[in-house]
Amino acid sequence: MLGERPEIVPQQWITVGMKKVVVSFVHDEGAPADCTVVYLDERNRPMYAEVTWTEHGWAFVTGAGPRGAAHTDDRWHDCVTIVRAGVHASPPRGRTAYPTQRGTALTPSPRR
């Protein structure tokens, strides 16, 4: 059990299952969901969904809340920008960056 829901604010990153998402709206207590989030789906399209806090962490609300494309409305614009920038800022999973063996204009290559 993880305890009480952590404090969240709009434009904050949270993890829902294995997916990194950005909080768009925080709902009042008693709402069916705790917040609405924006994320990129498997086809790299911006989507929004309702999320709630459970005993296991953040989870998508299934069947009881809007879900759809986030690029269709200006209210999602800031969060879509954050999600896209965050995705491009992190290296792809499973890949390790290796130093290059080639030289630069200031440093010659070790090969001749």
N, C-alpha and C. Protein backbone atom coordinates (compact mmCIF):
# COMPACT_ATOMS: atom_id res chain seq x y z
N MET A 1 0.84 -1.19 0.00
CA MET A 1 0.00 0.00 0.00
C MET A 1 0.88 1.25 0.00
N LEU A 2 0.53 2.20 -0.82
CA LEU A 2 1.35 3.39 -0.96
C LEU A 2 0.89 4.55 -0.10
N GLY A 3 -0.31 4.50 0.45
CA GLY A 3 -0.77 5.57 1.33
C GLY A 3 -1.60 6.63 0.63
N GLU A 4 -1.57 7.83 1.21
CA GLU A 4 -2.37 8.93 0.69
C GLU A 4 -1.87 9.41 -0.66
N ARG A 5 -2.81 9.99 -1.41
CA ARG A 5 -2.47 10.53 -2.72
C ARG A 5 -1.46 11.66 -2.56
N PRO A 6 -0.38 11.64 -3.34
CA PRO A 6 0.58 12.75 -3.28
C PRO A 6 -0.02 14.02 -3.87
N GLU A 7 0.50 15.14 -3.44
CA GLU A 7 0.06 16.43 -4.00
C GLU A 7 0.53 16.51 -5.45
N ILE A 8 -0.35 16.97 -6.31
CA ILE A 8 0.00 17.14 -7.72
C ILE A 8 -0.47 18.51 -8.18
N VAL A 9 0.19 19.01 -9.20
CA VAL A 9 -0.16 20.30 -9.79
C VAL A 9 -0.14 20.17 -11.31
N PRO A 10 -0.87 21.02 -12.01
CA PRO A 10 -0.83 20.98 -13.47
C PRO A 10 0.59 21.15 -14.00
N GLN A 11 0.85 20.48 -15.10
CA GLN A 11 2.13 20.48 -15.82
C GLN A 11 3.23 19.72 -15.08
N GLN A 12 2.84 18.86 -14.14
CA GLN A 12 3.78 18.02 -13.40
C GLN A 12 3.81 16.63 -14.04
N TRP A 13 5.00 16.02 -14.09
CA TRP A 13 5.14 14.65 -14.58
C TRP A 13 4.76 13.68 -13.48
N ILE A 14 3.98 12.64 -13.80
CA ILE A 14 3.71 11.53 -12.90
C ILE A 14 3.82 10.24 -13.72
N THR A 15 3.87 9.11 -13.04
CA THR A 15 3.94 7.83 -13.72
C THR A 15 2.65 7.06 -13.47
N VAL A 16 2.00 6.63 -14.54
CA VAL A 16 0.78 5.83 -14.46
C VAL A 16 1.13 4.47 -15.03
N GLY A 17 1.21 3.47 -14.16
CA GLY A 17 1.69 2.17 -14.61
C GLY A 17 3.13 2.31 -15.06
N MET A 18 3.39 2.06 -16.33
CA MET A 18 4.73 2.19 -16.89
C MET A 18 4.85 3.42 -17.80
N LYS A 19 3.82 4.26 -17.82
CA LYS A 19 3.77 5.38 -18.75
C LYS A 19 4.01 6.70 -18.01
N LYS A 20 4.90 7.54 -18.56
CA LYS A 20 5.12 8.89 -18.05
C LYS A 20 4.08 9.80 -18.67
N VAL A 21 3.39 10.58 -17.83
CA VAL A 21 2.33 11.46 -18.29
C VAL A 21 2.48 12.83 -17.63
N VAL A 22 1.80 13.83 -18.19
CA VAL A 22 1.81 15.18 -17.62
C VAL A 22 0.40 15.51 -17.15
N VAL A 23 0.30 16.02 -15.92
CA VAL A 23 -0.99 16.40 -15.35
C VAL A 23 -1.49 17.66 -16.04
N SER A 24 -2.73 17.62 -16.53
CA SER A 24 -3.34 18.80 -17.16
C SER A 24 -4.24 19.54 -16.19
N PHE A 25 -5.15 18.79 -15.56
CA PHE A 25 -6.11 19.38 -14.63
C PHE A 25 -6.18 18.52 -13.38
N VAL A 26 -6.24 19.15 -12.22
CA VAL A 26 -6.44 18.43 -10.96
C VAL A 26 -7.90 18.65 -10.57
N HIS A 27 -8.62 17.56 -10.30
CA HIS A 27 -10.04 17.63 -9.99
C HIS A 27 -10.26 17.78 -8.49
N ASP A 28 -11.43 18.29 -8.12
CA ASP A 28 -11.81 18.43 -6.72
C ASP A 28 -12.05 17.06 -6.09
N GLU A 29 -11.96 17.00 -4.76
CA GLU A 29 -12.26 15.75 -4.05
C GLU A 29 -13.69 15.33 -4.35
N GLY A 30 -13.90 14.04 -4.44
CA GLY A 30 -15.22 13.51 -4.73
C GLY A 30 -15.48 13.27 -6.20
N ALA A 31 -14.61 13.76 -7.06
CA ALA A 31 -14.76 13.52 -8.50
C ALA A 31 -14.39 12.07 -8.79
N PRO A 32 -14.91 11.50 -9.89
CA PRO A 32 -14.59 10.10 -10.21
C PRO A 32 -13.10 9.88 -10.50
N ALA A 33 -12.39 10.93 -10.87
CA ALA A 33 -10.95 10.84 -11.14
C ALA A 33 -10.24 11.95 -10.36
N ASP A 34 -8.96 11.74 -10.10
CA ASP A 34 -8.18 12.75 -9.38
C ASP A 34 -7.61 13.81 -10.32
N CYS A 35 -7.33 13.43 -11.56
CA CYS A 35 -6.77 14.40 -12.49
C CYS A 35 -6.95 13.92 -13.93
N THR A 36 -6.72 14.84 -14.85
CA THR A 36 -6.69 14.53 -16.27
C THR A 36 -5.25 14.69 -16.71
N VAL A 37 -4.76 13.74 -17.50
CA VAL A 37 -3.36 13.76 -17.93
C VAL A 37 -3.25 13.72 -19.44
N VAL A 38 -2.08 14.11 -19.94
CA VAL A 38 -1.76 14.04 -21.36
C VAL A 38 -0.53 13.15 -21.50
N TYR A 39 -0.54 12.31 -22.53
CA TYR A 39 0.58 11.40 -22.79
C TYR A 39 0.64 11.12 -24.28
N LEU A 40 1.71 10.48 -24.73
CA LEU A 40 1.83 10.06 -26.12
C LEU A 40 1.52 8.58 -26.20
N ASP A 41 0.64 8.21 -27.13
CA ASP A 41 0.31 6.79 -27.29
C ASP A 41 1.41 6.08 -28.08
N GLU A 42 1.20 4.80 -28.36
CA GLU A 42 2.22 4.01 -29.05
C GLU A 42 2.52 4.50 -30.46
N ARG A 43 1.62 5.30 -31.03
CA ARG A 43 1.84 5.86 -32.37
C ARG A 43 2.32 7.31 -32.30
N ASN A 44 2.74 7.74 -31.09
CA ASN A 44 3.28 9.08 -30.86
C ASN A 44 2.24 10.19 -31.03
N ARG A 45 0.97 9.84 -30.79
CA ARG A 45 -0.10 10.84 -30.84
C ARG A 45 -0.41 11.32 -29.43
N PRO A 46 -0.62 12.63 -29.24
CA PRO A 46 -0.97 13.13 -27.91
C PRO A 46 -2.41 12.73 -27.55
N MET A 47 -2.57 12.14 -26.38
CA MET A 47 -3.87 11.68 -25.90
C MET A 47 -4.09 12.23 -24.50
N TYR A 48 -5.37 12.30 -24.08
CA TYR A 48 -5.67 12.67 -22.70
C TYR A 48 -6.53 11.58 -22.08
N ALA A 49 -6.45 11.46 -20.75
CA ALA A 49 -7.21 10.44 -20.04
C ALA A 49 -7.37 10.86 -18.58
N GLU A 50 -8.36 10.25 -17.94
CA GLU A 50 -8.60 10.47 -16.52
C GLU A 50 -7.75 9.49 -15.71
N VAL A 51 -7.22 9.95 -14.58
CA VAL A 51 -6.34 9.14 -13.74
C VAL A 51 -6.79 9.28 -12.29
N THR A 52 -6.65 8.19 -11.53
CA THR A 52 -7.00 8.21 -10.11
C THR A 52 -5.89 7.55 -9.30
N TRP A 53 -5.82 7.87 -8.02
CA TRP A 53 -4.84 7.29 -7.11
C TRP A 53 -5.45 6.04 -6.50
N THR A 54 -4.73 4.93 -6.52
CA THR A 54 -5.19 3.67 -5.93
C THR A 54 -4.16 3.22 -4.89
N GLU A 55 -4.42 2.11 -4.28
CA GLU A 55 -3.47 1.58 -3.29
C GLU A 55 -2.16 1.12 -3.95
N HIS A 56 -2.15 1.00 -5.26
CA HIS A 56 -0.95 0.59 -5.99
C HIS A 56 -0.27 1.74 -6.72
N GLY A 57 -0.81 2.94 -6.65
CA GLY A 57 -0.25 4.11 -7.33
C GLY A 57 -1.26 4.71 -8.29
N TRP A 58 -0.78 5.49 -9.24
CA TRP A 58 -1.65 6.12 -10.23
C TRP A 58 -2.14 5.08 -11.22
N ALA A 59 -3.44 5.20 -11.61
CA ALA A 59 -4.04 4.26 -12.57
C ALA A 59 -5.02 5.01 -13.46
N PHE A 60 -5.10 4.59 -14.71
CA PHE A 60 -6.09 5.15 -15.62
C PHE A 60 -7.47 4.70 -15.19
N VAL A 61 -8.44 5.62 -15.27
CA VAL A 61 -9.83 5.29 -14.97
C VAL A 61 -10.41 4.67 -16.24
N THR A 62 -10.90 3.45 -16.11
CA THR A 62 -11.43 2.76 -17.29
C THR A 62 -12.93 2.87 -17.33
N GLY A 63 -13.45 3.23 -18.47
CA GLY A 63 -14.89 3.27 -18.70
C GLY A 63 -15.63 4.44 -18.10
N ALA A 64 -15.02 5.20 -17.20
CA ALA A 64 -15.76 6.28 -16.53
C ALA A 64 -15.06 7.61 -16.70
N GLY A 65 -14.84 8.01 -17.89
CA GLY A 65 -14.21 9.30 -18.07
C GLY A 65 -13.81 9.50 -19.51
N PRO A 66 -13.66 10.75 -19.88
CA PRO A 66 -13.28 11.02 -21.26
C PRO A 66 -11.86 10.56 -21.55
N ARG A 67 -11.67 10.16 -22.76
CA ARG A 67 -10.36 9.76 -23.26
C ARG A 67 -10.33 10.12 -24.72
N GLY A 68 -9.28 10.70 -25.19
CA GLY A 68 -9.27 11.04 -26.60
C GLY A 68 -8.02 11.74 -27.03
N ALA A 69 -8.05 12.26 -28.23
CA ALA A 69 -6.91 12.94 -28.82
C ALA A 69 -6.75 14.32 -28.20
N ALA A 70 -5.53 14.62 -27.76
CA ALA A 70 -5.27 15.89 -27.10
C ALA A 70 -4.88 17.01 -28.07
N HIS A 71 -4.66 16.69 -29.32
CA HIS A 71 -4.25 17.73 -30.26
C HIS A 71 -5.44 18.47 -30.85
N THR A 72 -6.66 18.10 -30.48
CA THR A 72 -7.85 18.69 -31.08
C THR A 72 -8.34 19.94 -30.36
N ASP A 73 -7.76 20.29 -29.22
CA ASP A 73 -8.27 21.39 -28.42
C ASP A 73 -7.10 22.19 -27.84
N ASP A 74 -7.23 23.51 -27.83
CA ASP A 74 -6.15 24.38 -27.32
C ASP A 74 -5.89 24.19 -25.83
N ARG A 75 -6.84 23.69 -25.06
CA ARG A 75 -6.61 23.55 -23.62
C ARG A 75 -5.53 22.52 -23.30
N TRP A 76 -5.19 21.66 -24.25
CA TRP A 76 -4.15 20.65 -24.04
C TRP A 76 -2.78 21.11 -24.55
N HIS A 77 -2.72 22.24 -25.24
CA HIS A 77 -1.51 22.66 -25.94
C HIS A 77 -0.26 22.69 -25.04
N ASP A 78 -0.32 23.32 -23.88
CA ASP A 78 0.85 23.43 -23.02
C ASP A 78 1.36 22.06 -22.58
N CYS A 79 0.44 21.18 -22.21
CA CYS A 79 0.85 19.84 -21.75
C CYS A 79 1.38 18.98 -22.90
N VAL A 80 0.80 19.13 -24.07
CA VAL A 80 1.31 18.39 -25.24
C VAL A 80 2.74 18.84 -25.53
N THR A 81 3.00 20.14 -25.43
CA THR A 81 4.35 20.66 -25.64
C THR A 81 5.32 20.07 -24.63
N ILE A 82 4.93 19.99 -23.36
CA ILE A 82 5.78 19.42 -22.31
C ILE A 82 6.05 17.95 -22.58
N VAL A 83 5.00 17.20 -22.93
CA VAL A 83 5.16 15.77 -23.19
C VAL A 83 6.11 15.54 -24.36
N ARG A 84 5.91 16.26 -25.44
CA ARG A 84 6.77 16.08 -26.62
C ARG A 84 8.22 16.46 -26.30
N ALA A 85 8.43 17.55 -25.57
CA ALA A 85 9.79 17.96 -25.21
C ALA A 85 10.44 16.93 -24.28
N GLY A 86 9.68 16.40 -23.35
CA GLY A 86 10.21 15.41 -22.41
C GLY A 86 10.58 14.12 -23.09
N VAL A 87 9.79 13.70 -24.04
CA VAL A 87 10.06 12.47 -24.77
C VAL A 87 11.33 12.62 -25.60
N HIS A 88 11.49 13.76 -26.24
CA HIS A 88 12.67 13.97 -27.08
C HIS A 88 13.92 14.23 -26.25
N ALA A 89 13.76 14.66 -25.00
CA ALA A 89 14.91 14.95 -24.15
C ALA A 89 15.53 13.68 -23.57
N SER A 90 14.76 12.62 -23.41
CA SER A 90 15.29 11.41 -22.81
C SER A 90 15.78 10.45 -23.90
N PRO A 91 16.87 9.72 -23.62
CA PRO A 91 17.37 8.78 -24.63
C PRO A 91 16.42 7.59 -24.76
N PRO A 92 16.42 6.94 -25.91
CA PRO A 92 15.54 5.78 -26.09
C PRO A 92 15.90 4.68 -25.09
N ARG A 93 14.89 3.95 -24.64
CA ARG A 93 15.12 2.87 -23.69
C ARG A 93 15.95 1.77 -24.34
N GLY A 94 16.82 1.17 -23.55
CA GLY A 94 17.58 0.05 -24.02
C GLY A 94 18.83 0.40 -24.82
N ARG A 95 19.04 1.65 -25.06
CA ARG A 95 20.22 2.06 -25.81
C ARG A 95 21.20 2.73 -24.87
N THR A 96 22.46 2.42 -25.03
CA THR A 96 23.50 3.02 -24.23
C THR A 96 24.33 3.91 -25.13
N ALA A 97 24.60 5.08 -24.66
CA ALA A 97 25.43 6.00 -25.43
C ALA A 97 26.89 5.61 -25.27
N TYR A 98 27.57 5.44 -26.38
CA TYR A 98 28.99 5.12 -26.37
C TYR A 98 29.77 6.29 -26.91
N PRO A 99 30.94 6.56 -26.33
CA PRO A 99 31.73 7.68 -26.86
C PRO A 99 32.17 7.38 -28.29
N THR A 100 32.19 8.39 -29.08
CA THR A 100 32.58 8.22 -30.47
C THR A 100 34.09 8.11 -30.60
N GLN A 101 34.54 7.39 -31.58
CA GLN A 101 35.97 7.25 -31.83
C GLN A 101 36.46 8.26 -32.86
N ARG A 102 35.55 8.98 -33.45
CA ARG A 102 35.95 9.93 -34.47
C ARG A 102 36.42 11.22 -33.84
N GLY A 103 37.28 11.91 -34.55
CA GLY A 103 37.79 13.18 -34.07
C GLY A 103 36.84 14.32 -34.44
N THR A 104 37.11 15.47 -33.90
CA THR A 104 36.35 16.67 -34.26
C THR A 104 37.31 17.61 -34.98
N ALA A 105 36.84 18.78 -35.27
CA ALA A 105 37.70 19.75 -35.93
C ALA A 105 38.89 20.11 -35.04
N LEU A 106 38.71 20.04 -33.73
CA LEU A 106 39.79 20.40 -32.81
C LEU A 106 40.59 19.21 -32.31
N THR A 107 40.01 18.02 -32.39
CA THR A 107 40.69 16.83 -31.90
C THR A 107 40.79 15.82 -33.03
N PRO A 108 41.99 15.44 -33.43
CA PRO A 108 42.12 14.50 -34.54
C PRO A 108 41.65 13.10 -34.13
N SER A 109 41.26 12.34 -35.11
CA SER A 109 40.85 10.97 -34.89
C SER A 109 42.05 10.11 -34.52
N PRO A 110 41.87 9.10 -33.65
CA PRO A 110 43.00 8.25 -33.30
C PRO A 110 43.43 7.36 -34.47
N ARG A 111 42.55 7.20 -35.44
CA ARG A 111 42.89 6.43 -36.64
C ARG A 111 43.62 7.30 -37.64
N ARG A 112 44.47 6.74 -38.41
CA ARG A 112 45.19 7.50 -39.44
C ARG A 112 44.84 7.04 -40.79
